[in-house]
Amino acid sequence: MAAPVLCALEAHQDSQAHHGIIRYLALRIPGEVWVTWLPDEEPHEIDHREDCLVGDCTTYAGHPGAHAGQVSRY
């Protein structure tokens, strides 16, 4: 059984999509593979997203809300 994916974004409304990393890529390929899902639904989108370049943020470029290290997780 696969481990659950946790949302990496700042706490947000239940109607908004959640985003979590499902695959870390080698350093020669910037970014990670992310999955998107809505509350009470199965994942509906998998895509490669570039890394956020602000400070030590570990989420993707252009993410909503605060940067990683400043937020609580789901």
C-alpha atoms as a PDB file:
ATOM      1  CA  MET A   1       0.000   0.000   0.000  1.00  0.00           C
ATOM      2  CA  ALA A   2       1.318   3.449  -0.932  1.00  0.00           C
ATOM      3  CA  ALA A   3       1.984   6.060   1.718  1.00  0.00           C
ATOM      4  CA  PRO A   4      -0.506   8.949   1.776  1.00  0.00           C
ATOM      5  CA  VAL A   5       0.521  12.184   0.086  1.00  0.00           C
ATOM      6  CA  LEU A   6       0.319  15.256   2.293  1.00  0.00           C
ATOM      7  CA  CYS A   7      -0.572  18.721   1.073  1.00  0.00           C
ATOM      8  CA  ALA A   8       2.522  20.939   1.033  1.00  0.00           C
ATOM      9  CA  LEU A   9       0.635  24.227   0.921  1.00  0.00           C
ATOM     10  CA  GLU A  10      -0.474  26.637   3.597  1.00  0.00           C
ATOM     11  CA  ALA A  11      -3.783  25.697   5.244  1.00  0.00           C
ATOM     12  CA  HIS A  12      -6.584  26.677   2.878  1.00  0.00           C
ATOM     13  CA  GLN A  13     -10.319  26.283   2.327  1.00  0.00           C
ATOM     14  CA  ASP A  14     -11.630  22.745   1.934  1.00  0.00           C
ATOM     15  CA  SER A  15     -12.938  23.596  -1.535  1.00  0.00           C
ATOM     16  CA  GLN A  16      -9.441  24.425  -2.831  1.00  0.00           C
ATOM     17  CA  ALA A  17      -7.124  21.871  -4.420  1.00  0.00           C
ATOM     18  CA  HIS A  18      -4.329  20.239  -2.448  1.00  0.00           C
ATOM     19  CA  HIS A  19      -0.831  19.661  -3.886  1.00  0.00           C
ATOM     20  CA  GLY A  20       1.809  17.177  -2.744  1.00  0.00           C
ATOM     21  CA  ILE A  21       5.137  15.848  -4.027  1.00  0.00           C
ATOM     22  CA  ILE A  22       5.062  12.286  -5.300  1.00  0.00           C
ATOM     23  CA  ARG A  23       8.525  12.118  -6.857  1.00  0.00           C
ATOM     24  CA  TYR A  24      11.785  13.937  -6.206  1.00  0.00           C
ATOM     25  CA  LEU A  25      13.844  14.351  -9.367  1.00  0.00           C
ATOM     26  CA  ALA A  26      17.594  14.192  -9.857  1.00  0.00           C
ATOM     27  CA  LEU A  27      19.364  17.524  -9.483  1.00  0.00           C
ATOM     28  CA  ARG A  28      20.033  17.710 -13.223  1.00  0.00           C
ATOM     29  CA  ILE A  29      16.250  18.079 -13.722  1.00  0.00           C
ATOM     30  CA  PRO A  30      14.977  21.038 -11.703  1.00  0.00           C
ATOM     31  CA  GLY A  31      11.624  20.682  -9.988  1.00  0.00           C
ATOM     32  CA  GLU A  32       9.573  17.742  -8.691  1.00  0.00           C
ATOM     33  CA  VAL A  33       6.567  15.693  -9.741  1.00  0.00           C
ATOM     34  CA  TRP A  34       3.422  16.884  -7.964  1.00  0.00           C
ATOM     35  CA  VAL A  35      -0.074  15.453  -7.626  1.00  0.00           C
ATOM     36  CA  THR A  36      -3.221  17.561  -7.280  1.00  0.00           C
ATOM     37  CA  TRP A  37      -6.466  16.486  -5.607  1.00  0.00           C
ATOM     38  CA  LEU A  38      -9.663  17.943  -4.221  1.00  0.00           C
ATOM     39  CA  PRO A  39     -10.952  17.089  -0.740  1.00  0.00           C
ATOM     40  CA  ASP A  40     -12.745  13.721  -0.665  1.00  0.00           C
ATOM     41  CA  GLU A  41     -11.613  12.921  -4.235  1.00  0.00           C
ATOM     42  CA  GLU A  42      -8.894  10.865  -5.864  1.00  0.00           C
ATOM     43  CA  PRO A  43      -5.852  12.623  -7.407  1.00  0.00           C
ATOM     44  CA  HIS A  44      -6.812  14.116 -10.774  1.00  0.00           C
ATOM     45  CA  GLU A  45      -3.613  15.717 -12.065  1.00  0.00           C
ATOM     46  CA  ILE A  46       0.050  14.742 -12.045  1.00  0.00           C
ATOM     47  CA  ASP A  47       2.625  17.158 -13.430  1.00  0.00           C
ATOM     48  CA  HIS A  48       6.202  18.406 -13.220  1.00  0.00           C
ATOM     49  CA  ARG A  49       6.552  21.785 -11.516  1.00  0.00           C
ATOM     50  CA  GLU A  50       9.606  23.983 -11.156  1.00  0.00           C
ATOM     51  CA  ASP A  51      10.879  24.648  -7.627  1.00  0.00           C
ATOM     52  CA  CYS A  52      10.000  27.847  -5.766  1.00  0.00           C
ATOM     53  CA  LEU A  53      13.153  29.950  -5.646  1.00  0.00           C
ATOM     54  CA  VAL A  54      12.224  32.059  -2.607  1.00  0.00           C
ATOM     55  CA  GLY A  55      14.539  31.370   0.339  1.00  0.00           C
ATOM     56  CA  ASP A  56      14.445  27.737   1.449  1.00  0.00           C
ATOM     57  CA  CYS A  57      10.882  27.123   0.222  1.00  0.00           C
ATOM     58  CA  THR A  58      10.296  23.496  -0.773  1.00  0.00           C
ATOM     59  CA  THR A  59       7.096  23.975  -2.750  1.00  0.00           C
ATOM     60  CA  TYR A  60       6.654  24.818  -6.427  1.00  0.00           C
ATOM     61  CA  ALA A  61       7.108  28.139  -8.236  1.00  0.00           C
ATOM     62  CA  GLY A  62       4.001  30.303  -8.134  1.00  0.00           C
ATOM     63  CA  HIS A  63       2.317  28.374  -5.317  1.00  0.00           C
ATOM     64  CA  PRO A  64      -0.494  30.100  -3.411  1.00  0.00           C
ATOM     65  CA  GLY A  65      -0.076  31.167   0.215  1.00  0.00           C
ATOM     66  CA  ALA A  66       3.028  31.386   2.364  1.00  0.00           C
ATOM     67  CA  HIS A  67       6.361  29.732   1.645  1.00  0.00           C
ATOM     68  CA  ALA A  68       7.352  26.406   3.233  1.00  0.00           C
ATOM     69  CA  GLY A  69       8.774  26.827   6.706  1.00  0.00           C
ATOM     70  CA  GLN A  70       6.121  29.482   7.395  1.00  0.00           C
ATOM     71  CA  VAL A  71       3.079  27.175   7.282  1.00  0.00           C
ATOM     72  CA  SER A  72       1.455  24.262   9.093  1.00  0.00           C
ATOM     73  CA  ARG A  73       0.818  21.075   7.105  1.00  0.00           C
ATOM     74  CA  TYR A  74      -2.288  18.971   6.536  1.00  0.00           C
END
